[in-house]
C-alpha atoms as a PDB file:
ATOM      1  CA  MET A   1      91.402 110.355  78.334  1.00  0.00           C
ATOM      2  CA  SER A   2      88.210 109.223  76.630  1.00  0.00           C
ATOM      3  CA  GLY A   3      90.215 107.086  74.184  1.00  0.00           C
ATOM      4  CA  LEU A   4      91.608 104.947  77.010  1.00  0.00           C
ATOM      5  CA  ALA A   5      89.658 102.083  78.608  1.00  0.00           C
ATOM      6  CA  THR A   6      90.572 101.095  82.179  1.00  0.00           C
ATOM      7  CA  LYS A   7      89.632  98.079  84.272  1.00  0.00           C
ATOM      8  CA  PHE A   8      90.193  98.180  88.022  1.00  0.00           C
ATOM      9  CA  VAL A   9      90.963  94.656  89.241  1.00  0.00           C
ATOM     10  CA  GLU A  10      91.308  95.439  92.951  1.00  0.00           C
ATOM     11  CA  GLU A  11      90.230  98.188  95.274  1.00  0.00           C
ATOM     12  CA  LEU A  12      92.896 100.536  96.603  1.00  0.00           C
ATOM     13  CA  GLU A  13      94.688  99.052  99.622  1.00  0.00           C
ATOM     14  CA  LEU A  14      96.338 101.510 101.986  1.00  0.00           C
ATOM     15  CA  GLU A  15      98.603 100.682 104.923  1.00  0.00           C
ATOM     16  CA  VAL A  16      99.936 103.158 107.475  1.00  0.00           C
ATOM     17  CA  LEU A  17     103.351 102.253 108.922  1.00  0.00           C
ATOM     18  CA  ARG A  18     103.528 104.006 112.296  1.00  0.00           C
ATOM     19  CA  GLU A  19     105.985 101.782 114.172  1.00  0.00           C
ATOM     20  CA  LYS A  20     108.573 101.454 111.400  1.00  0.00           C
ATOM     21  CA  TYR A  21     109.249 105.213 111.336  1.00  0.00           C
ATOM     22  CA  ALA A  22     108.499 105.995 115.009  1.00  0.00           C
ATOM     23  CA  ASP A  23     112.158 106.698 115.862  1.00  0.00           C
ATOM     24  CA  GLN A  24     112.182 109.367 113.109  1.00  0.00           C
ATOM     25  CA  HIS A  25     108.895 110.952 114.323  1.00  0.00           C
ATOM     26  CA  ALA A  26     107.359 110.142 110.933  1.00  0.00           C
ATOM     27  CA  ILE A  27     104.567 108.032 109.479  1.00  0.00           C
ATOM     28  CA  GLY A  28     105.009 105.871 106.366  1.00  0.00           C
ATOM     29  CA  VAL A  29     102.229 105.079 103.931  1.00  0.00           C
ATOM     30  CA  VAL A  30     102.131 102.234 101.400  1.00  0.00           C
ATOM     31  CA  ALA A  31      99.403 101.835  98.768  1.00  0.00           C
ATOM     32  CA  TRP A  32      98.602  99.059  96.286  1.00  0.00           C
ATOM     33  CA  MET A  33      96.247  99.135  93.340  1.00  0.00           C
ATOM     34  CA  GLU A  34      95.940  96.808  90.372  1.00  0.00           C
ATOM     35  CA  PHE A  35      94.389  97.954  87.140  1.00  0.00           C
ATOM     36  CA  ASP A  36      94.665  97.381  83.401  1.00  0.00           C
ATOM     37  CA  ALA A  37      94.329  99.824  80.518  1.00  0.00           C
ATOM     38  CA  LYS A  38      94.166  99.716  76.739  1.00  0.00           C
ATOM     39  CA  VAL A  39      93.823 102.281  73.967  1.00  0.00           C
ATOM     40  CA  GLU A  40      90.394 102.025  72.371  1.00  0.00           C
ATOM     41  CA  ASP A  41      90.589 105.076  70.091  1.00  0.00           C
ATOM     42  CA  ALA A  42      94.155 106.044  69.115  1.00  0.00           C
ATOM     43  CA  GLN A  43      92.972 109.305  67.506  1.00  0.00           C
ATOM     44  CA  LYS A  44      91.970 110.614  70.942  1.00  0.00           C
ATOM     45  CA  ILE A  45      95.425 109.925  72.467  1.00  0.00           C
ATOM     46  CA  SER A  46      98.444 112.130  71.778  1.00  0.00           C
ATOM     47  CA  LYS A  47     102.111 111.111  71.951  1.00  0.00           C
ATOM     48  CA  LEU A  48     104.997 113.340  73.021  1.00  0.00           C
ATOM     49  CA  THR A  49     108.357 112.629  71.361  1.00  0.00           C
ATOM     50  CA  CYS A  50     111.557 114.194  72.731  1.00  0.00           C
ATOM     51  CA  LYS A  51     115.122 114.021  71.445  1.00  0.00           C
ATOM     52  CA  ALA A  52     117.651 112.405  73.778  1.00  0.00           C
END
């Protein structure tokens, strides 16, 4: 992925939801992350094309 430039706007935020799923004996996890990306060198990126 050396042809792709990325910019991370925010750090990863992780939240554990223990109470919401307590009656199911489970734990939920929610994560947020904001980042941006752009192609800097198209020759280093490949594209897969499939027929429908």
